[in-house]
Amino acid sequence: MQCPRCSEEVDELQTINADGKRKRVCEDCVGQLQEQDEIADAATSAMKGMMEYKGGRR
């Protein structure tokens, strides 16, 4: 099989939820996607902290 993200030949593809979508990628790409997701969550959290976001609408 070929990974659709990196185009490398692999024996097995894994399914992961990334960007709100299910994707089938190789093991290396799974790690990269998880890392990118953690970075995006940290950035969102930092931005909400700077803006003193309390949650909800008023």
PDB file of N, CA and C in Angstrom:
ATOM      1  N   MET A   1       0.833  -1.182   0.000  1.00  0.00           N
ATOM      2  CA  MET A   1       0.000   0.000   0.000  1.00  0.00           C
ATOM      3  C   MET A   1       0.877   1.244   0.000  1.00  0.00           C
ATOM      4  N   GLN A   2       0.297   2.309  -0.436  1.00  0.00           N
ATOM      5  CA  GLN A   2       1.008   3.579  -0.504  1.00  0.00           C
ATOM      6  C   GLN A   2       0.286   4.599   0.379  1.00  0.00           C
ATOM      7  N   CYS A   3       1.059   5.298   1.191  1.00  0.00           N
ATOM      8  CA  CYS A   3       0.494   6.330   2.057  1.00  0.00           C
ATOM      9  C   CYS A   3       0.076   7.520   1.191  1.00  0.00           C
ATOM     10  N   PRO A   4      -1.175   7.967   1.313  1.00  0.00           N
ATOM     11  CA  PRO A   4      -1.622   9.096   0.489  1.00  0.00           C
ATOM     12  C   PRO A   4      -0.984  10.425   0.873  1.00  0.00           C
ATOM     13  N   ARG A   5      -0.461  10.530   2.091  1.00  0.00           N
ATOM     14  CA  ARG A   5       0.132  11.795   2.549  1.00  0.00           C
ATOM     15  C   ARG A   5       1.583  11.935   2.111  1.00  0.00           C
ATOM     16  N   CYS A   6       2.398  10.868   2.280  1.00  0.00           N
ATOM     17  CA  CYS A   6       3.826  10.977   1.968  1.00  0.00           C
ATOM     18  C   CYS A   6       4.239  10.146   0.748  1.00  0.00           C
ATOM     19  N   SER A   7       3.341   9.362   0.207  1.00  0.00           N
ATOM     20  CA  SER A   7       3.552   8.548  -0.995  1.00  0.00           C
ATOM     21  C   SER A   7       4.612   7.468  -0.829  1.00  0.00           C
ATOM     22  N   GLU A   8       4.850   7.015   0.401  1.00  0.00           N
ATOM     23  CA  GLU A   8       5.800   5.933   0.632  1.00  0.00           C
ATOM     24  C   GLU A   8       5.068   4.598   0.686  1.00  0.00           C
ATOM     25  N   GLU A   9       5.758   3.548   0.271  1.00  0.00           N
ATOM     26  CA  GLU A   9       5.196   2.206   0.330  1.00  0.00           C
ATOM     27  C   GLU A   9       5.246   1.702   1.773  1.00  0.00           C
ATOM     28  N   VAL A  10       4.104   1.243   2.297  1.00  0.00           N
ATOM     29  CA  VAL A  10       4.020   0.714   3.655  1.00  0.00           C
ATOM     30  C   VAL A  10       3.202  -0.571   3.644  1.00  0.00           C
ATOM     31  N   ASP A  11       3.374  -1.363   4.710  1.00  0.00           N
ATOM     32  CA  ASP A  11       2.615  -2.604   4.822  1.00  0.00           C
ATOM     33  C   ASP A  11       1.195  -2.356   5.330  1.00  0.00           C
ATOM     34  N   GLU A  12       1.059  -1.332   6.187  1.00  0.00           N
ATOM     35  CA  GLU A  12      -0.216  -1.120   6.853  1.00  0.00           C
ATOM     36  C   GLU A  12      -0.486   0.373   7.030  1.00  0.00           C
ATOM     37  N   LEU A  13      -1.733   0.763   6.843  1.00  0.00           N
ATOM     38  CA  LEU A  13      -2.156   2.149   7.073  1.00  0.00           C
ATOM     39  C   LEU A  13      -2.968   2.206   8.365  1.00  0.00           C
ATOM     40  N   GLN A  14      -2.798   3.276   9.118  1.00  0.00           N
ATOM     41  CA  GLN A  14      -3.535   3.465  10.354  1.00  0.00           C
ATOM     42  C   GLN A  14      -4.542   4.583  10.169  1.00  0.00           C
ATOM     43  N   THR A  15      -5.652   4.503  10.892  1.00  0.00           N
ATOM     44  CA  THR A  15      -6.695   5.516  10.815  1.00  0.00           C
ATOM     45  C   THR A  15      -6.545   6.469  11.991  1.00  0.00           C
ATOM     46  N   ILE A  16      -6.607   7.768  11.713  1.00  0.00           N
ATOM     47  CA  ILE A  16      -6.480   8.801  12.742  1.00  0.00           C
ATOM     48  C   ILE A  16      -7.458   9.913  12.431  1.00  0.00           C
ATOM     49  N   ASN A  17      -7.957  10.567  13.488  1.00  0.00           N
ATOM     50  CA  ASN A  17      -8.808  11.750  13.319  1.00  0.00           C
ATOM     51  C   ASN A  17      -7.909  12.968  13.359  1.00  0.00           C
ATOM     52  N   ALA A  18      -7.872  13.716  12.278  1.00  0.00           N
ATOM     53  CA  ALA A  18      -7.062  14.932  12.199  1.00  0.00           C
ATOM     54  C   ALA A  18      -7.870  15.990  11.471  1.00  0.00           C
ATOM     55  N   ASP A  19      -7.885  17.169  12.015  1.00  0.00           N
ATOM     56  CA  ASP A  19      -8.641  18.292  11.433  1.00  0.00           C
ATOM     57  C   ASP A  19     -10.125  17.960  11.310  1.00  0.00           C
ATOM     58  N   GLY A  20     -10.631  17.140  12.215  1.00  0.00           N
ATOM     59  CA  GLY A  20     -12.042  16.784  12.198  1.00  0.00           C
ATOM     60  C   GLY A  20     -12.413  15.765  11.135  1.00  0.00           C
ATOM     61  N   LYS A  21     -11.416  15.152  10.520  1.00  0.00           N
ATOM     62  CA  LYS A  21     -11.662  14.157   9.469  1.00  0.00           C
ATOM     63  C   LYS A  21     -10.868  12.897   9.775  1.00  0.00           C
ATOM     64  N   ARG A  22     -11.389  11.764   9.349  1.00  0.00           N
ATOM     65  CA  ARG A  22     -10.671  10.510   9.505  1.00  0.00           C
ATOM     66  C   ARG A  22      -9.733  10.338   8.317  1.00  0.00           C
ATOM     67  N   LYS A  23      -8.476  10.027   8.624  1.00  0.00           N
ATOM     68  CA  LYS A  23      -7.477   9.852   7.574  1.00  0.00           C
ATOM     69  C   LYS A  23      -6.751   8.532   7.776  1.00  0.00           C
ATOM     70  N   ARG A  24      -6.435   7.885   6.676  1.00  0.00           N
ATOM     71  CA  ARG A  24      -5.648   6.652   6.722  1.00  0.00           C
ATOM     72  C   ARG A  24      -4.251   6.987   6.222  1.00  0.00           C
ATOM     73  N   VAL A  25      -3.280   6.899   7.127  1.00  0.00           N
ATOM     74  CA  VAL A  25      -1.908   7.263   6.813  1.00  0.00           C
ATOM     75  C   VAL A  25      -0.947   6.249   7.434  1.00  0.00           C
ATOM     76  N   CYS A  26       0.331   6.363   7.075  1.00  0.00           N
ATOM     77  CA  CYS A  26       1.350   5.459   7.622  1.00  0.00           C
ATOM     78  C   CYS A  26       1.701   5.866   9.051  1.00  0.00           C
ATOM     79  N   GLU A  27       2.470   5.026   9.732  1.00  0.00           N
ATOM     80  CA  GLU A  27       2.819   5.255  11.135  1.00  0.00           C
ATOM     81  C   GLU A  27       3.618   6.542  11.332  1.00  0.00           C
ATOM     82  N   ASP A  28       4.512   6.862  10.412  1.00  0.00           N
ATOM     83  CA  ASP A  28       5.300   8.094  10.517  1.00  0.00           C
ATOM     84  C   ASP A  28       4.403   9.327  10.423  1.00  0.00           C
ATOM     85  N   CYS A  29       3.460   9.303   9.513  1.00  0.00           N
ATOM     86  CA  CYS A  29       2.552  10.435   9.329  1.00  0.00           C
ATOM     87  C   CYS A  29       1.609  10.591  10.524  1.00  0.00           C
ATOM     88  N   VAL A  30       1.261   9.481  11.188  1.00  0.00           N
ATOM     89  CA  VAL A  30       0.414   9.549  12.378  1.00  0.00           C
ATOM     90  C   VAL A  30       1.101  10.406  13.434  1.00  0.00           C
ATOM     91  N   GLY A  31       2.381  10.154  13.663  1.00  0.00           N
ATOM     92  CA  GLY A  31       3.136  10.935  14.640  1.00  0.00           C
ATOM     93  C   GLY A  31       3.199  12.399  14.270  1.00  0.00           C
ATOM     94  N   GLN A  32       3.415  12.687  13.011  1.00  0.00           N
ATOM     95  CA  GLN A  32       3.491  14.073  12.554  1.00  0.00           C
ATOM     96  C   GLN A  32       2.148  14.779  12.722  1.00  0.00           C
ATOM     97  N   LEU A  33       1.055  14.105  12.375  1.00  0.00           N
ATOM     98  CA  LEU A  33      -0.276  14.708  12.498  1.00  0.00           C
ATOM     99  C   LEU A  33      -0.642  14.955  13.959  1.00  0.00           C
ATOM    100  N   GLN A  34      -0.281  14.020  14.844  1.00  0.00           N
ATOM    101  CA  GLN A  34      -0.557  14.208  16.269  1.00  0.00           C
ATOM    102  C   GLN A  34       0.241  15.385  16.817  1.00  0.00           C
ATOM    103  N   GLU A  35       1.489  15.504  16.398  1.00  0.00           N
ATOM    104  CA  GLU A  35       2.325  16.616  16.843  1.00  0.00           C
ATOM    105  C   GLU A  35       1.752  17.952  16.377  1.00  0.00           C
ATOM    106  N   GLN A  36       1.322  18.016  15.124  1.00  0.00           N
ATOM    107  CA  GLN A  36       0.731  19.241  14.599  1.00  0.00           C
ATOM    108  C   GLN A  36      -0.550  19.601  15.349  1.00  0.00           C
ATOM    109  N   ASP A  37      -1.344  18.586  15.716  1.00  0.00           N
ATOM    110  CA  ASP A  37      -2.583  18.810  16.445  1.00  0.00           C
ATOM    111  C   ASP A  37      -2.293  19.361  17.841  1.00  0.00           C
ATOM    112  N   GLU A  38      -1.264  18.829  18.512  1.00  0.00           N
ATOM    113  CA  GLU A  38      -0.889  19.317  19.837  1.00  0.00           C
ATOM    114  C   GLU A  38      -0.408  20.771  19.763  1.00  0.00           C
ATOM    115  N   ILE A  39       0.356  21.096  18.739  1.00  0.00           N
ATOM    116  CA  ILE A  39       0.847  22.470  18.560  1.00  0.00           C
ATOM    117  C   ILE A  39      -0.318  23.424  18.324  1.00  0.00           C
ATOM    118  N   ALA A  40      -1.280  23.008  17.507  1.00  0.00           N
ATOM    119  CA  ALA A  40      -2.444  23.851  17.225  1.00  0.00           C
ATOM    120  C   ALA A  40      -3.272  24.065  18.491  1.00  0.00           C
ATOM    121  N   ASP A  41      -3.439  23.025  19.308  1.00  0.00           N
ATOM    122  CA  ASP A  41      -4.184  23.169  20.555  1.00  0.00           C
ATOM    123  C   ASP A  41      -3.476  24.128  21.510  1.00  0.00           C
ATOM    124  N   ALA A  42      -2.155  24.025  21.597  1.00  0.00           N
ATOM    125  CA  ALA A  42      -1.384  24.908  22.471  1.00  0.00           C
ATOM    126  C   ALA A  42      -1.481  26.354  21.992  1.00  0.00           C
ATOM    127  N   ALA A  43      -1.438  26.560  20.695  1.00  0.00           N
ATOM    128  CA  ALA A  43      -1.539  27.904  20.137  1.00  0.00           C
ATOM    129  C   ALA A  43      -2.920  28.501  20.420  1.00  0.00           C
ATOM    130  N   THR A  44      -3.957  27.714  20.278  1.00  0.00           N
ATOM    131  CA  THR A  44      -5.310  28.182  20.556  1.00  0.00           C
ATOM    132  C   THR A  44      -5.464  28.535  22.028  1.00  0.00           C
ATOM    133  N   SER A  45      -4.915  27.690  22.885  1.00  0.00           N
ATOM    134  CA  SER A  45      -4.976  27.935  24.318  1.00  0.00           C
ATOM    135  C   SER A  45      -4.237  29.221  24.687  1.00  0.00           C
ATOM    136  N   ALA A  46      -3.074  29.431  24.104  1.00  0.00           N
ATOM    137  CA  ALA A  46      -2.296  30.639  24.370  1.00  0.00           C
ATOM    138  C   ALA A  46      -3.039  31.879  23.888  1.00  0.00           C
ATOM    139  N   MET A  47      -3.661  31.795  22.734  1.00  0.00           N
ATOM    140  CA  MET A  47      -4.398  32.938  22.189  1.00  0.00           C
ATOM    141  C   MET A  47      -5.591  33.266  23.088  1.00  0.00           C
ATOM    142  N   LYS A  48      -6.313  32.246  23.548  1.00  0.00           N
ATOM    143  CA  LYS A  48      -7.444  32.487  24.440  1.00  0.00           C
ATOM    144  C   LYS A  48      -6.973  33.102  25.750  1.00  0.00           C
ATOM    145  N   GLY A  49      -5.808  32.681  26.233  1.00  0.00           N
ATOM    146  CA  GLY A  49      -5.252  33.242  27.451  1.00  0.00           C
ATOM    147  C   GLY A  49      -4.888  34.702  27.278  1.00  0.00           C
ATOM    148  N   MET A  50      -4.297  35.051  26.162  1.00  0.00           N
ATOM    149  CA  MET A  50      -3.929  36.447  25.908  1.00  0.00           C
ATOM    150  C   MET A  50      -5.165  37.339  25.786  1.00  0.00           C
ATOM    151  N   MET A  51      -6.219  36.787  25.245  1.00  0.00           N
ATOM    152  CA  MET A  51      -7.440  37.570  25.056  1.00  0.00           C
ATOM    153  C   MET A  51      -8.348  37.499  26.277  1.00  0.00           C
ATOM    154  N   GLU A  52      -7.900  36.824  27.324  1.00  0.00           N
ATOM    155  CA  GLU A  52      -8.665  36.645  28.557  1.00  0.00           C
ATOM    156  C   GLU A  52     -10.044  36.050  28.268  1.00  0.00           C
ATOM    157  N   TYR A  53     -10.072  35.024  27.436  1.00  0.00           N
ATOM    158  CA  TYR A  53     -11.294  34.351  27.036  1.00  0.00           C
ATOM    159  C   TYR A  53     -11.867  33.585  28.231  1.00  0.00           C
ATOM    160  N   LYS A  54     -13.108  33.839  28.573  1.00  0.00           N
ATOM    161  CA  LYS A  54     -13.741  33.193  29.704  1.00  0.00           C
ATOM    162  C   LYS A  54     -14.704  32.087  29.278  1.00  0.00           C
ATOM    163  N   GLY A  55     -14.974  32.001  28.007  1.00  0.00           N
ATOM    164  CA  GLY A  55     -15.886  30.973  27.507  1.00  0.00           C
ATOM    165  C   GLY A  55     -17.322  31.465  27.453  1.00  0.00           C
ATOM    166  N   GLY A  56     -18.054  30.907  26.536  1.00  0.00           N
ATOM    167  CA  GLY A  56     -19.463  31.258  26.404  1.00  0.00           C
ATOM    168  C   GLY A  56     -19.676  32.636  25.789  1.00  0.00           C
ATOM    169  N   ARG A  57     -20.938  32.958  25.585  1.00  0.00           N
ATOM    170  CA  ARG A  57     -21.307  34.266  25.023  1.00  0.00           C
ATOM    171  C   ARG A  57     -22.068  35.057  26.066  1.00  0.00           C
ATOM    172  N   ARG A  58     -22.042  36.337  25.937  1.00  0.00           N
ATOM    173  CA  ARG A  58     -22.783  37.205  26.859  1.00  0.00           C
ATOM    174  C   ARG A  58     -23.848  37.946  26.130  1.00  0.00           C
TER     175      ARG A  58
END
